[in-house]
Amino acid sequence: MTLFAEKGFAATSTREICEKARVTKPALYYHFGNKERLYTGIVFDAFHEYLKELDRAASGDGASQHKFEDVITAIFRFCQCHPEPTRMVFRMALAPEKESPVIDYLEMAEADERLLARMAKDALEAGEISCEPIELAYALIGATRFYMMSFLVTGQPDLTPTLASRLVRLIFHGAGGPLPTDR
């Protein structure tokens, strides 16, 4: 996974993978078939783990703002705990078409957008927000992805629950006045 995250799919050779994993090429081919299946397996395994974390965070009780804070915290935590698959997904999304195997990364990216949009729709119906749900979802996911990319490239900022809370509060309450205190 490290090689794919650092170099990308096309630039990573089967020989390098085998050396890093300390396995033979026949063993790699026996278990995965080829480099592409290994790559897609890594991506999909990480993606399913990511979705489980988000669903767990979204299933909590409380006000919508706190649920959003929990979900953004879960996204940040996944990025910090699993930087390599996160980096692979960003690399795949931004790479030329022939750079990596055909994976519907847009479908993957839309999974958290759909979750946030559904949460925003619930918040609108509960009278907790007054904006278009999809606009709130896009604002949150856009800012969240910016912080994730910055973390993956520079190691900063620290993707803490406090940062997630501040981000959600900023988007919920705007920049026009004092933000409410932490929970």
C-alpha atoms as a PDB file:
ATOM      1  CA  MET A   1       0.000   0.000   0.000  1.00  0.00           C
ATOM      2  CA  THR A   2       2.850   2.381   0.829  1.00  0.00           C
ATOM      3  CA  LEU A   3       4.278   2.099  -2.682  1.00  0.00           C
ATOM      4  CA  PHE A   4       0.924   2.806  -4.328  1.00  0.00           C
ATOM      5  CA  ALA A   5       0.335   5.767  -1.998  1.00  0.00           C
ATOM      6  CA  GLU A   6       3.786   7.249  -2.638  1.00  0.00           C
ATOM      7  CA  LYS A   7       4.278   6.468  -6.329  1.00  0.00           C
ATOM      8  CA  GLY A   8       0.862   5.743  -7.773  1.00  0.00           C
ATOM      9  CA  PHE A   9      -0.326   2.623  -9.542  1.00  0.00           C
ATOM     10  CA  ALA A  10       1.498   2.985 -12.864  1.00  0.00           C
ATOM     11  CA  ALA A  11       4.870   3.846 -11.314  1.00  0.00           C
ATOM     12  CA  THR A  12       4.800   0.927  -8.867  1.00  0.00           C
ATOM     13  CA  SER A  13       6.243  -2.283 -10.283  1.00  0.00           C
ATOM     14  CA  THR A  14       5.222  -5.788  -9.330  1.00  0.00           C
ATOM     15  CA  ARG A  15       8.867  -6.430  -8.434  1.00  0.00           C
ATOM     16  CA  GLU A  16       8.804  -3.535  -5.925  1.00  0.00           C
ATOM     17  CA  ILE A  17       5.576  -4.816  -4.391  1.00  0.00           C
ATOM     18  CA  CYS A  18       7.030  -8.306  -3.961  1.00  0.00           C
ATOM     19  CA  GLU A  19      10.257  -6.960  -2.451  1.00  0.00           C
ATOM     20  CA  LYS A  20       8.380  -4.728  -0.003  1.00  0.00           C
ATOM     21  CA  ALA A  21       5.961  -7.505   0.991  1.00  0.00           C
ATOM     22  CA  ARG A  22       8.733 -10.134   1.009  1.00  0.00           C
ATOM     23  CA  VAL A  23       6.754 -12.476  -1.220  1.00  0.00           C
ATOM     24  CA  THR A  24       7.437 -14.053  -4.584  1.00  0.00           C
ATOM     25  CA  LYS A  25       5.673 -13.006  -7.776  1.00  0.00           C
ATOM     26  CA  PRO A  26       3.922 -16.393  -7.990  1.00  0.00           C
ATOM     27  CA  ALA A  27       2.568 -15.884  -4.453  1.00  0.00           C
ATOM     28  CA  LEU A  28       1.313 -12.400  -5.340  1.00  0.00           C
ATOM     29  CA  TYR A  29      -0.346 -13.672  -8.517  1.00  0.00           C
ATOM     30  CA  TYR A  30      -1.839 -16.669  -6.710  1.00  0.00           C
ATOM     31  CA  HIS A  31      -3.530 -14.508  -4.065  1.00  0.00           C
ATOM     32  CA  PHE A  32      -4.469 -11.459  -6.129  1.00  0.00           C
ATOM     33  CA  GLY A  33      -4.255 -12.442  -9.792  1.00  0.00           C
ATOM     34  CA  ASN A  34      -2.453  -9.263 -10.799  1.00  0.00           C
ATOM     35  CA  LYS A  35      -1.310  -5.846  -9.615  1.00  0.00           C
ATOM     36  CA  GLU A  36      -4.619  -4.229 -10.569  1.00  0.00           C
ATOM     37  CA  ARG A  37      -6.654  -6.582  -8.364  1.00  0.00           C
ATOM     38  CA  LEU A  38      -4.281  -5.978  -5.458  1.00  0.00           C
ATOM     39  CA  TYR A  39      -4.707  -2.223  -5.904  1.00  0.00           C
ATOM     40  CA  THR A  40      -8.491  -2.313  -6.197  1.00  0.00           C
ATOM     41  CA  GLY A  41      -8.701  -4.683  -3.227  1.00  0.00           C
ATOM     42  CA  ILE A  42      -6.746  -2.242  -1.075  1.00  0.00           C
ATOM     43  CA  VAL A  43      -8.912   0.686  -2.191  1.00  0.00           C
ATOM     44  CA  PHE A  44     -12.224  -1.118  -1.670  1.00  0.00           C
ATOM     45  CA  ASP A  45     -11.241  -2.587   1.701  1.00  0.00           C
ATOM     46  CA  ALA A  46     -10.271   0.875   2.946  1.00  0.00           C
ATOM     47  CA  PHE A  47     -13.421   2.417   1.466  1.00  0.00           C
ATOM     48  CA  HIS A  48     -15.697  -0.074   3.222  1.00  0.00           C
ATOM     49  CA  GLU A  49     -13.908   0.571   6.521  1.00  0.00           C
ATOM     50  CA  TYR A  50     -14.319   4.323   5.919  1.00  0.00           C
ATOM     51  CA  LEU A  51     -18.062   3.945   5.313  1.00  0.00           C
ATOM     52  CA  LYS A  52     -18.470   1.894   8.497  1.00  0.00           C
ATOM     53  CA  GLU A  53     -16.745   4.642  10.487  1.00  0.00           C
ATOM     54  CA  LEU A  54     -18.981   7.335   8.969  1.00  0.00           C
ATOM     55  CA  ASP A  55     -22.164   5.347   9.532  1.00  0.00           C
ATOM     56  CA  ARG A  56     -21.151   4.739  13.141  1.00  0.00           C
ATOM     57  CA  ALA A  57     -20.512   8.471  13.649  1.00  0.00           C
ATOM     58  CA  ALA A  58     -23.769   9.502  11.949  1.00  0.00           C
ATOM     59  CA  SER A  59     -25.899   7.144  14.010  1.00  0.00           C
ATOM     60  CA  GLY A  60     -25.435   9.059  17.250  1.00  0.00           C
ATOM     61  CA  ASP A  61     -28.118  11.030  19.023  1.00  0.00           C
ATOM     62  CA  GLY A  62     -28.299  14.746  19.543  1.00  0.00           C
ATOM     63  CA  ALA A  63     -28.577  17.958  17.601  1.00  0.00           C
ATOM     64  CA  SER A  64     -27.654  17.945  13.929  1.00  0.00           C
ATOM     65  CA  GLN A  65     -24.662  20.194  14.485  1.00  0.00           C
ATOM     66  CA  HIS A  66     -23.180  17.666  16.914  1.00  0.00           C
ATOM     67  CA  LYS A  67     -23.826  14.803  14.488  1.00  0.00           C
ATOM     68  CA  PHE A  68     -22.005  16.737  11.765  1.00  0.00           C
ATOM     69  CA  GLU A  69     -19.118  17.330  14.161  1.00  0.00           C
ATOM     70  CA  ASP A  70     -18.992  13.596  14.880  1.00  0.00           C
ATOM     71  CA  VAL A  71     -18.963  12.696  11.175  1.00  0.00           C
ATOM     72  CA  ILE A  72     -16.258  15.239  10.288  1.00  0.00           C
ATOM     73  CA  THR A  73     -14.248  14.000  13.269  1.00  0.00           C
ATOM     74  CA  ALA A  74     -14.607  10.441  11.916  1.00  0.00           C
ATOM     75  CA  ILE A  75     -13.430  11.566   8.471  1.00  0.00           C
ATOM     76  CA  PHE A  76     -10.422  13.317  10.008  1.00  0.00           C
ATOM     77  CA  ARG A  77      -9.638  10.319  12.215  1.00  0.00           C
ATOM     78  CA  PHE A  78      -9.742   7.961   9.238  1.00  0.00           C
ATOM     79  CA  CYS A  79      -7.370  10.218   7.306  1.00  0.00           C
ATOM     80  CA  GLN A  80      -4.936  10.352  10.224  1.00  0.00           C
ATOM     81  CA  CYS A  81      -5.102   6.641  11.020  1.00  0.00           C
ATOM     82  CA  HIS A  82      -5.123   5.499   7.384  1.00  0.00           C
ATOM     83  CA  PRO A  83      -3.139   8.089   5.401  1.00  0.00           C
ATOM     84  CA  GLU A  84      -1.975   5.675   2.710  1.00  0.00           C
ATOM     85  CA  PRO A  85      -5.379   4.580   1.361  1.00  0.00           C
ATOM     86  CA  THR A  86      -6.617   8.156   1.738  1.00  0.00           C
ATOM     87  CA  ARG A  87      -3.657   9.370  -0.308  1.00  0.00           C
ATOM     88  CA  MET A  88      -4.322   6.636  -2.882  1.00  0.00           C
ATOM     89  CA  VAL A  89      -7.910   7.807  -3.357  1.00  0.00           C
ATOM     90  CA  PHE A  90      -6.882  11.454  -3.775  1.00  0.00           C
ATOM     91  CA  ARG A  91      -4.112  10.421  -6.176  1.00  0.00           C
ATOM     92  CA  MET A  92      -6.557   8.292  -8.155  1.00  0.00           C
ATOM     93  CA  ALA A  93      -9.134  11.084  -8.340  1.00  0.00           C
ATOM     94  CA  LEU A  94      -6.592  13.595  -9.646  1.00  0.00           C
ATOM     95  CA  ALA A  95      -4.502  11.314 -11.882  1.00  0.00           C
ATOM     96  CA  PRO A  96      -4.730  10.993 -15.658  1.00  0.00           C
ATOM     97  CA  GLU A  97      -7.104   8.215 -16.725  1.00  0.00           C
ATOM     98  CA  LYS A  98      -4.406   5.653 -17.551  1.00  0.00           C
ATOM     99  CA  GLU A  99      -2.565   6.220 -14.257  1.00  0.00           C
ATOM    100  CA  SER A 100      -4.613   3.758 -12.200  1.00  0.00           C
ATOM    101  CA  PRO A 101      -7.146   0.941 -12.600  1.00  0.00           C
ATOM    102  CA  VAL A 102     -10.706   1.810 -13.458  1.00  0.00           C
ATOM    103  CA  ILE A 103     -12.410   2.472 -10.146  1.00  0.00           C
ATOM    104  CA  ASP A 104     -15.476   4.675  -9.884  1.00  0.00           C
ATOM    105  CA  TYR A 105     -13.826   7.131  -7.515  1.00  0.00           C
ATOM    106  CA  LEU A 106     -16.640   9.627  -8.104  1.00  0.00           C
ATOM    107  CA  GLU A 107     -19.085   7.105  -6.668  1.00  0.00           C
ATOM    108  CA  MET A 108     -16.757   6.698  -3.709  1.00  0.00           C
ATOM    109  CA  ALA A 109     -16.462  10.466  -3.231  1.00  0.00           C
ATOM    110  CA  GLU A 110     -20.214  10.881  -3.423  1.00  0.00           C
ATOM    111  CA  ALA A 111     -20.805   8.409  -0.583  1.00  0.00           C
ATOM    112  CA  ASP A 112     -19.849  10.896   2.125  1.00  0.00           C
ATOM    113  CA  GLU A 113     -21.526  13.717   0.195  1.00  0.00           C
ATOM    114  CA  ARG A 114     -24.801  11.736   0.168  1.00  0.00           C
ATOM    115  CA  LEU A 115     -24.494  11.042   3.892  1.00  0.00           C
ATOM    116  CA  LEU A 116     -23.914  14.724   4.689  1.00  0.00           C
ATOM    117  CA  ALA A 117     -26.740  15.791   2.341  1.00  0.00           C
ATOM    118  CA  ARG A 118     -29.117  13.333   4.035  1.00  0.00           C
ATOM    119  CA  MET A 119     -28.071  14.655   7.445  1.00  0.00           C
ATOM    120  CA  ALA A 120     -28.565  18.235   6.211  1.00  0.00           C
ATOM    121  CA  LYS A 121     -32.032  17.356   4.897  1.00  0.00           C
ATOM    122  CA  ASP A 122     -32.914  15.984   8.340  1.00  0.00           C
ATOM    123  CA  ALA A 123     -31.556  19.182   9.933  1.00  0.00           C
ATOM    124  CA  LEU A 124     -33.674  21.303   7.562  1.00  0.00           C
ATOM    125  CA  GLU A 125     -36.800  19.284   8.376  1.00  0.00           C
ATOM    126  CA  ALA A 126     -36.046  19.695  12.101  1.00  0.00           C
ATOM    127  CA  GLY A 127     -35.751  23.472  11.628  1.00  0.00           C
ATOM    128  CA  GLU A 128     -32.065  23.480  12.608  1.00  0.00           C
ATOM    129  CA  ILE A 129     -30.839  24.972   9.315  1.00  0.00           C
ATOM    130  CA  SER A 130     -32.417  27.129   6.630  1.00  0.00           C
ATOM    131  CA  CYS A 131     -30.066  26.602   3.670  1.00  0.00           C
ATOM    132  CA  GLU A 132     -30.226  24.085   0.850  1.00  0.00           C
ATOM    133  CA  PRO A 133     -29.083  20.735   2.272  1.00  0.00           C
ATOM    134  CA  ILE A 134     -26.782  19.962  -0.657  1.00  0.00           C
ATOM    135  CA  GLU A 135     -25.045  23.339  -0.273  1.00  0.00           C
ATOM    136  CA  LEU A 136     -24.316  22.626   3.382  1.00  0.00           C
ATOM    137  CA  ALA A 137     -23.022  19.160   2.454  1.00  0.00           C
ATOM    138  CA  TYR A 138     -20.742  20.563  -0.272  1.00  0.00           C
ATOM    139  CA  ALA A 139     -19.409  23.320   1.989  1.00  0.00           C
ATOM    140  CA  LEU A 140     -18.557  20.811   4.702  1.00  0.00           C
ATOM    141  CA  ILE A 141     -17.031  18.194   2.427  1.00  0.00           C
ATOM    142  CA  GLY A 142     -15.071  20.809   0.472  1.00  0.00           C
ATOM    143  CA  ALA A 143     -13.509  22.295   3.589  1.00  0.00           C
ATOM    144  CA  THR A 144     -12.950  18.830   5.047  1.00  0.00           C
ATOM    145  CA  ARG A 145     -11.146  17.602   1.924  1.00  0.00           C
ATOM    146  CA  PHE A 146      -8.996  20.732   1.866  1.00  0.00           C
ATOM    147  CA  TYR A 147      -7.834  20.019   5.418  1.00  0.00           C
ATOM    148  CA  MET A 148      -7.266  16.350   4.566  1.00  0.00           C
ATOM    149  CA  MET A 149      -5.128  17.179   1.523  1.00  0.00           C
ATOM    150  CA  SER A 150      -3.140  19.699   3.531  1.00  0.00           C
ATOM    151  CA  PHE A 151      -2.548  17.093   6.228  1.00  0.00           C
ATOM    152  CA  LEU A 152      -1.468  14.467   3.687  1.00  0.00           C
ATOM    153  CA  VAL A 153       0.979  16.855   1.997  1.00  0.00           C
ATOM    154  CA  THR A 154       2.375  18.809   4.963  1.00  0.00           C
ATOM    155  CA  GLY A 155       1.328  16.911   8.083  1.00  0.00           C
ATOM    156  CA  GLN A 156      -0.631  19.989   9.184  1.00  0.00           C
ATOM    157  CA  PRO A 157      -3.093  20.845  10.534  1.00  0.00           C
ATOM    158  CA  ASP A 158      -3.632  18.263  13.204  1.00  0.00           C
ATOM    159  CA  LEU A 159      -7.029  16.789  12.301  1.00  0.00           C
ATOM    160  CA  THR A 160      -8.570  16.958  15.760  1.00  0.00           C
ATOM    161  CA  PRO A 161     -12.155  16.812  17.006  1.00  0.00           C
ATOM    162  CA  THR A 162     -11.693  20.473  17.976  1.00  0.00           C
ATOM    163  CA  LEU A 163     -10.886  21.381  14.368  1.00  0.00           C
ATOM    164  CA  ALA A 164     -13.911  19.395  13.174  1.00  0.00           C
ATOM    165  CA  SER A 165     -16.117  21.202  15.684  1.00  0.00           C
ATOM    166  CA  ARG A 166     -14.764  24.625  14.709  1.00  0.00           C
ATOM    167  CA  LEU A 167     -15.265  23.872  11.017  1.00  0.00           C
ATOM    168  CA  VAL A 168     -18.859  22.723  11.490  1.00  0.00           C
ATOM    169  CA  ARG A 169     -19.668  25.682  13.746  1.00  0.00           C
ATOM    170  CA  LEU A 170     -18.188  28.101  11.206  1.00  0.00           C
ATOM    171  CA  ILE A 171     -20.294  26.679   8.408  1.00  0.00           C
ATOM    172  CA  PHE A 172     -23.426  26.403  10.570  1.00  0.00           C
ATOM    173  CA  HIS A 173     -23.158  29.889  12.072  1.00  0.00           C
ATOM    174  CA  GLY A 174     -21.112  31.828   9.515  1.00  0.00           C
ATOM    175  CA  ALA A 175     -18.285  34.244  10.123  1.00  0.00           C
ATOM    176  CA  GLY A 176     -20.461  37.224  10.977  1.00  0.00           C
ATOM    177  CA  GLY A 177     -20.407  37.000  14.724  1.00  0.00           C
ATOM    178  CA  PRO A 178     -19.000  35.162  17.694  1.00  0.00           C
ATOM    179  CA  LEU A 179     -19.153  31.402  17.488  1.00  0.00           C
ATOM    180  CA  PRO A 180     -20.905  29.522  20.255  1.00  0.00           C
ATOM    181  CA  THR A 181     -18.638  27.845  22.765  1.00  0.00           C
ATOM    182  CA  ASP A 182     -17.537  24.216  22.461  1.00  0.00           C
ATOM    183  CA  ARG A 183     -19.983  21.506  23.527  1.00  0.00           C
END
